[in-house]
Protein backbone atom coordinates (compact mmCIF):
# COMPACT_ATOMS: atom_id res chain seq x y z
CA MET A 1 -18.35 9.02 -17.91
CA LYS A 2 -16.77 10.13 -14.64
CA PRO A 3 -17.78 7.96 -11.65
CA PRO A 4 -20.25 9.87 -9.44
CA TYR A 5 -19.25 11.13 -6.01
CA ILE A 6 -19.33 14.37 -4.02
CA ILE A 7 -16.38 16.22 -2.45
CA THR A 8 -17.63 16.64 1.13
CA ASN A 9 -16.13 18.61 4.02
CA THR A 10 -15.15 15.25 5.53
CA ILE A 11 -13.20 14.32 2.40
CA MET A 12 -11.45 17.70 2.30
CA THR A 13 -10.51 17.48 5.98
CA LEU A 14 -9.17 13.94 5.58
CA ILE A 15 -7.10 14.89 2.53
CA ALA A 16 -5.57 17.82 4.42
CA SER A 17 -4.73 15.56 7.37
CA ILE A 18 -3.22 12.86 5.14
CA SER A 19 -1.11 15.48 3.33
CA GLU A 20 0.24 16.73 6.66
CA GLN A 21 1.00 13.15 7.74
CA LEU A 22 2.87 12.44 4.51
CA GLY A 23 4.96 15.55 5.17
CA GLU A 24 5.81 14.15 8.61
CA VAL A 25 6.66 10.80 7.04
CA ARG A 26 9.13 12.47 4.70
CA ALA A 27 10.60 14.57 7.51
CA ALA A 28 11.06 11.47 9.67
CA HIS A 29 12.55 9.52 6.71
CA LEU A 30 9.95 6.77 6.96
CA TYR A 31 9.18 6.71 3.24
CA LYS A 32 11.38 3.63 2.78
CA PRO A 33 11.08 1.33 5.79
CA PRO A 34 13.98 -0.99 6.68
CA THR A 35 14.06 -4.33 4.85
CA GLU A 36 12.80 -6.40 7.78
CA LEU A 37 9.92 -4.02 8.43
CA ARG A 38 8.97 -4.07 4.74
CA ARG A 39 8.85 -7.85 4.86
CA ARG A 40 6.79 -7.86 8.08
CA ASN A 41 4.28 -5.36 6.69
CA ARG A 42 4.00 -7.28 3.41
CA ILE A 43 3.17 -10.44 5.38
CA LYS A 44 0.55 -8.55 7.41
CA THR A 45 -0.95 -7.12 4.21
CA ILE A 46 -1.30 -10.53 2.57
CA GLN A 47 -2.61 -12.20 5.73
CA SER A 48 -5.26 -9.53 6.34
CA SER A 49 -6.44 -9.26 2.74
CA LEU A 50 -6.81 -13.03 2.39
CA GLU A 51 -8.37 -13.48 5.85
CA ILE A 52 -11.18 -11.20 4.72
CA GLU A 53 -11.82 -13.80 1.99
CA GLY A 54 -11.76 -16.70 4.46
CA ASN A 55 -8.10 -17.75 4.36
CA THR A 56 -6.99 -19.41 7.62
CA LEU A 57 -3.18 -19.06 7.49
CA SER A 58 -1.45 -17.14 10.28
CA GLU A 59 1.31 -14.55 9.88
CA LYS A 60 3.83 -17.20 11.02
CA GLN A 61 2.67 -19.65 8.35
CA ILE A 62 2.79 -16.95 5.67
CA SER A 63 6.28 -16.00 6.84
CA ASP A 64 7.31 -19.65 6.40
CA LEU A 65 5.90 -19.63 2.85
CA PHE A 66 7.93 -16.48 2.15
CA ASP A 67 10.98 -18.57 3.10
CA ASN A 68 9.82 -21.49 0.90
CA LYS A 69 9.17 -23.68 3.94
CA SER A 70 6.46 -26.32 4.08
CA VAL A 71 3.24 -25.40 5.87
CA LEU A 72 0.55 -27.76 7.14
CA ALA A 73 -2.67 -26.09 6.02
CA PRO A 74 -5.53 -26.52 3.50
CA GLN A 75 -4.08 -26.66 -0.01
CA LYS A 76 -6.40 -23.91 -1.27
CA ASP A 77 -5.22 -21.54 1.47
CA VAL A 78 -1.57 -22.28 0.72
CA ILE A 79 -2.11 -21.65 -3.01
CA GLU A 80 -3.85 -18.33 -2.26
CA VAL A 81 -0.92 -17.15 -0.15
CA LYS A 82 1.75 -18.28 -2.62
CA ASN A 83 -0.09 -16.52 -5.44
CA ALA A 84 -0.44 -13.33 -3.38
CA ILE A 85 3.26 -13.38 -2.45
CA GLN A 86 4.16 -13.61 -6.13
CA VAL A 87 1.89 -10.69 -7.08
CA TYR A 88 2.91 -8.37 -4.23
CA ASN A 89 6.59 -9.09 -4.79
CA ASN A 90 6.17 -7.88 -8.37
CA LEU A 91 4.10 -4.75 -7.78
CA ASN A 92 6.69 -2.61 -9.53
CA LYS A 93 6.15 -4.59 -12.74
CA LEU A 94 2.44 -3.78 -12.87
CA ASP A 95 1.06 -0.82 -14.83
CA LEU A 96 -1.70 0.72 -12.72
CA TYR A 97 -3.20 2.44 -15.78
CA ASN A 98 -3.41 -0.70 -17.91
CA LEU A 99 -6.37 -3.10 -17.87
CA GLN A 100 -4.31 -5.94 -19.34
CA SER A 101 -1.78 -5.53 -16.55
CA MET A 102 -4.63 -5.97 -14.06
CA CYS A 103 -5.78 -9.10 -15.86
CA ASP A 104 -2.21 -10.44 -15.76
CA ALA A 105 -2.09 -9.82 -12.00
CA HIS A 106 -5.45 -11.56 -11.56
CA ALA A 107 -4.17 -14.54 -13.54
CA VAL A 108 -1.35 -14.96 -11.01
CA LEU A 109 -3.47 -14.17 -7.96
CA MET A 110 -6.15 -16.74 -8.85
CA ASP A 111 -3.97 -19.35 -10.58
CA ASN A 112 -5.15 -22.90 -9.78
CA LEU A 113 -8.07 -21.45 -7.82
CA ILE A 114 -10.65 -20.70 -10.53
CA ASP A 115 -11.17 -21.32 -14.23
CA ASN A 116 -10.43 -18.43 -16.59
CA ALA A 117 -8.16 -16.62 -14.13
CA GLY A 118 -7.05 -13.36 -15.72
CA HIS A 119 -10.13 -13.04 -17.92
CA LEU A 120 -13.02 -10.62 -17.46
CA ARG A 121 -16.30 -12.37 -16.84
CA THR A 122 -18.83 -12.63 -19.65
CA THR A 123 -21.73 -14.02 -17.61
CA SER A 124 -24.06 -12.43 -15.08
CA VAL A 125 -23.52 -13.04 -11.35
CA GLY A 126 -25.04 -12.15 -7.98
CA ILE A 127 -23.19 -11.45 -4.74
CA VAL A 128 -24.67 -13.47 -1.88
CA LYS A 129 -24.24 -12.63 1.82
CA GLY A 130 -25.81 -15.18 4.13
CA ASP A 131 -29.07 -16.23 2.48
CA LYS A 132 -29.64 -12.97 0.61
CA ILE A 133 -28.37 -11.47 -2.64
CA SER A 134 -26.60 -8.29 -1.51
CA HIS A 135 -25.48 -6.97 -4.88
CA ILE A 136 -26.23 -7.64 -8.53
CA PRO A 137 -23.31 -6.35 -10.63
CA PRO A 138 -23.65 -5.23 -14.25
CA SER A 139 -24.18 -7.98 -16.82
CA GLY A 140 -21.20 -9.73 -18.37
CA LYS A 141 -21.82 -8.00 -21.70
CA MET A 142 -21.08 -4.60 -20.10
CA ILE A 143 -17.85 -5.49 -18.29
CA GLY A 144 -15.38 -4.70 -21.08
CA SER A 145 -16.67 -1.19 -21.72
CA LEU A 146 -17.17 -0.41 -18.00
CA MET A 147 -13.61 -1.40 -17.16
CA SER A 148 -12.23 0.55 -20.11
CA ASN A 149 -14.10 3.63 -18.89
CA LEU A 150 -12.86 3.10 -15.33
CA PHE A 151 -9.24 2.91 -16.46
CA ASP A 152 -9.77 5.96 -18.64
CA TYR A 153 -10.93 7.85 -15.53
CA LEU A 154 -7.90 6.62 -13.58
CA LYS A 155 -5.48 7.67 -16.29
CA ASN A 156 -6.94 10.93 -17.56
CA ASP A 157 -9.16 12.57 -14.93
CA ASP A 158 -7.80 15.54 -12.98
CA ASP A 159 -8.94 14.20 -9.60
CA LEU A 160 -6.29 13.89 -6.92
CA LEU A 161 -4.74 10.42 -7.14
CA LEU A 162 -5.53 9.87 -3.46
CA ILE A 163 -9.24 10.28 -4.21
CA LYS A 164 -9.04 8.29 -7.43
CA SER A 165 -7.60 5.34 -5.53
CA CYS A 166 -10.75 5.19 -3.37
CA VAL A 167 -13.18 5.86 -6.23
CA PHE A 168 -11.48 3.21 -8.35
CA HIS A 169 -11.67 0.69 -5.47
CA TYR A 170 -15.41 1.23 -5.06
CA GLU A 171 -16.23 1.21 -8.78
CA PHE A 172 -14.14 -1.94 -9.25
CA GLU A 173 -16.10 -3.76 -6.52
CA PHE A 174 -19.39 -2.49 -7.97
CA ILE A 175 -18.54 -3.74 -11.46
CA HIS A 176 -17.19 -7.07 -10.10
CA PRO A 177 -15.26 -7.71 -13.33
CA PHE A 178 -13.96 -11.20 -12.50
CA ILE A 179 -15.82 -14.37 -11.53
CA ASP A 180 -13.91 -14.47 -8.23
CA GLY A 181 -11.05 -12.66 -6.49
CA ASN A 182 -12.56 -9.18 -6.85
CA GLY A 183 -12.14 -8.20 -3.20
CA ARG A 184 -8.44 -8.96 -3.03
CA MET A 185 -7.89 -7.43 -6.49
CA GLY A 186 -9.66 -4.19 -5.52
CA ARG A 187 -7.52 -3.81 -2.42
CA LEU A 188 -4.38 -4.70 -4.37
CA TRP A 189 -5.08 -2.11 -7.07
CA GLN A 190 -5.79 0.64 -4.56
CA THR A 191 -2.41 -0.13 -2.98
CA LEU A 192 -0.83 0.15 -6.44
CA ILE A 193 -2.50 3.52 -7.06
CA LEU A 194 -1.51 4.81 -3.62
CA LYS A 195 2.07 3.69 -4.23
CA GLU A 196 2.10 5.99 -7.24
CA TYR A 197 0.92 8.82 -4.99
CA SER A 198 3.60 8.13 -2.36
CA PRO A 199 6.14 5.28 -2.10
CA ILE A 200 5.31 4.74 1.58
CA PHE A 201 2.04 3.05 0.61
CA GLU A 202 3.80 0.09 -1.00
CA PHE A 203 4.55 -1.34 2.45
CA LEU A 204 1.87 0.32 4.59
CA PRO A 205 -0.49 -2.52 5.64
CA ILE A 206 -3.82 -0.74 5.11
CA GLU A 207 -5.49 -4.14 4.77
CA ILE A 208 -4.97 -4.75 8.52
CA LEU A 209 -7.27 -1.83 9.29
CA ILE A 210 -9.78 -2.92 6.65
CA LYS A 211 -9.84 -6.37 8.28
CA ALA A 212 -10.27 -4.79 11.73
CA ASN A 213 -13.19 -2.74 10.33
CA GLN A 214 -14.53 -5.39 7.98
CA GLU A 215 -18.21 -4.82 8.74
CA LYS A 216 -17.82 -1.05 8.26
CA TYR A 217 -15.94 -1.73 5.00
CA TYR A 218 -18.82 -3.77 3.58
CA ARG A 219 -21.36 -1.33 5.02
CA ALA A 220 -19.63 1.57 3.22
CA LEU A 221 -19.82 -0.40 -0.03
CA GLU A 222 -23.52 -1.17 0.50
CA LEU A 223 -24.45 2.42 1.40
CA SER A 224 -22.57 3.72 -1.63
CA ASP A 225 -24.49 1.22 -3.78
CA LYS A 226 -27.79 2.54 -2.41
CA GLN A 227 -26.77 6.17 -3.03
CA GLY A 228 -25.50 5.40 -6.52
CA GLN A 229 -22.18 7.12 -5.80
CA SER A 230 -18.94 6.34 -3.96
CA THR A 231 -18.89 9.28 -1.51
CA ILE A 232 -19.40 7.22 1.66
CA PHE A 233 -16.81 4.65 0.61
CA VAL A 234 -14.29 7.38 -0.27
CA GLU A 235 -14.75 8.89 3.20
CA PHE A 236 -14.30 5.47 4.81
CA MET A 237 -11.13 4.58 2.92
CA LEU A 238 -9.55 8.00 3.46
CA GLY A 239 -10.22 7.51 7.17
CA ILE A 240 -8.47 4.13 7.02
CA ILE A 241 -5.47 5.69 5.26
CA LYS A 242 -5.27 8.44 7.86
CA ILE A 243 -5.27 5.92 10.72
CA ALA A 244 -2.60 3.79 9.00
CA LEU A 245 -0.29 6.77 8.55
CA GLY A 246 -0.90 7.86 12.13
CA ASP A 247 0.02 4.41 13.41
CA LEU A 248 3.19 4.49 11.32
CA LEU A 249 4.25 7.83 12.73
CA LYS A 250 3.50 6.85 16.33
CA SER A 251 5.32 3.53 16.16
CA GLN A 252 8.39 4.46 14.12
CA ASN A 253 9.10 8.17 14.49
CA VAL A 254 11.77 7.60 17.12
CA SER A 255 12.79 4.02 16.39
CA LEU A 256 15.24 4.40 13.51
CA SER A 257 18.52 2.61 14.09
CA ASN A 258 21.93 4.17 13.53
CA ALA A 259 22.32 2.19 10.29
CA ASN A 260 18.89 3.29 9.03
CA ARG A 261 19.59 6.96 9.79
CA ILE A 262 22.90 6.81 7.95
CA GLN A 263 21.31 5.11 4.95
CA TYR A 264 18.42 7.58 4.78
CA PHE A 265 20.77 10.56 5.08
CA LYS A 266 22.93 9.15 2.29
CA GLU A 267 19.89 9.24 0.00
CA ILE A 268 19.29 12.88 0.96
CA ILE A 269 22.80 14.33 0.86
CA GLY A 270 24.25 12.32 -2.01
CA SER A 271 27.89 13.19 -2.75
CA ASN A 272 27.82 16.60 -1.03
CA TYR A 273 29.92 17.46 2.01
CA PHE A 274 27.97 17.85 5.24
CA SER A 275 28.40 18.73 8.89
CA ARG A 276 26.99 17.23 12.06
CA GLN A 277 24.49 20.13 12.12
CA ASP A 278 23.30 19.17 8.63
CA TYR A 279 22.75 15.65 9.92
CA LEU A 280 20.89 16.91 13.01
CA ARG A 281 18.57 19.05 10.90
CA SER A 282 17.40 15.87 9.17
CA PHE A 283 16.83 13.97 12.42
CA LYS A 284 15.37 16.47 14.85
CA ASN A 285 14.35 13.80 17.35
CA ILE A 286 17.95 12.75 18.19
CA SER A 287 20.48 14.50 20.44
CA SER A 288 23.82 16.02 19.46
CA ALA A 289 25.55 13.16 21.27
CA THR A 290 23.62 10.61 19.19
CA ALA A 291 24.52 12.45 15.99
CA SER A 292 28.20 12.45 16.98
CA ARG A 293 28.00 8.75 17.74
CA ASP A 294 26.36 8.08 14.36
CA MET A 295 29.15 9.98 12.61
CA LYS A 296 31.89 8.12 14.50
CA LEU A 297 30.42 4.69 13.79
CA ALA A 298 30.01 5.52 10.10
CA VAL A 299 33.62 6.77 9.92
CA ASP A 300 34.91 3.66 11.72
CA ASP A 301 32.96 1.43 9.32
CA GLY A 302 34.37 3.24 6.29
CA ILE A 303 30.96 4.48 5.19
CA ILE A 304 31.83 8.18 5.43
CA VAL A 305 35.12 10.08 5.39
CA LYS A 306 35.93 12.79 7.91
CA TYR A 307 37.68 16.00 6.81
CA GLY A 308 39.06 18.71 9.10
CA ASP A 309 38.80 18.92 12.88
CA LYS A 310 36.50 20.38 15.54
CA ARG A 311 34.42 23.27 14.13
CA THR A 312 35.80 22.79 10.62
CA THR A 313 34.84 19.10 10.50
CA LYS A 314 33.03 18.00 7.37
CA TYR A 315 31.97 14.57 6.20
CA ARG A 316 31.30 12.91 2.88
CA PHE A 317 30.06 9.48 1.92
CA GLU A 318 32.87 7.28 0.67
CA SER A 319 30.94 6.12 -2.38
CA ILE A 320 27.54 6.78 -3.87
CA LYS A 321 25.92 3.76 -5.48
């Protein structure tokens, strides 16, 4: 059965905006951030997602754990971060359409934190907030079939993958398939689905915005529970995605270094000959003088070879790996 939700005008408007933003991302060559930025965003993602669950480690401490340095912190918090680092560093090995792959990821994420990590729950549970039960998920006997149906929707339904990522996130939290770790797993799996939609999402720290809007995040889940459909949550998450892409474009559209521009252009042009004008057409926010300087530095470093002179000048990358 397809998970219930309604395509509202808000959802349509957000999808159109996100599509336009992704076009700008491609035009600005931000689809593959520089190595250091990827690392920084990965740290922010892990810190924010785990802070929502009560983890106390700072970005600096998580950065130290990335570098295999010792950190003075509660052992449970350190284990959570180390497990998350291992999972996020192996995202490309996970199969977003495979339930067993999710269980394998959960086994790593919750290793040494709970019993039966990586196994779907078979008992009934209640979600407590404060002194009240806020949500009673389906019974343990239903989990296997519900999760199979959810993955069947993810794999086979014609919905736009962008929408499916949000619907899947909500339905996953509603089902609550594991004894613990469901929040971080739901956010992780939406990132995995979004990465399939566009590579930029692998390193876009959406979790930072979820953390900043934590009360609204839980409120969207609760309201969707009351309505018996994920519409409100889909609208909320699409709004978060739009803000994250907007922040990316505002902060990085004009901050590419010479080396990054050259590397990005290499991926575009391949082994073809090109002119300075070809290069400028790919980086419309730089001047002709900057383009000339980029070309000269790349020639001096042996990255590209210059052919001809003045108006007949052409370039070509020395080697394509």
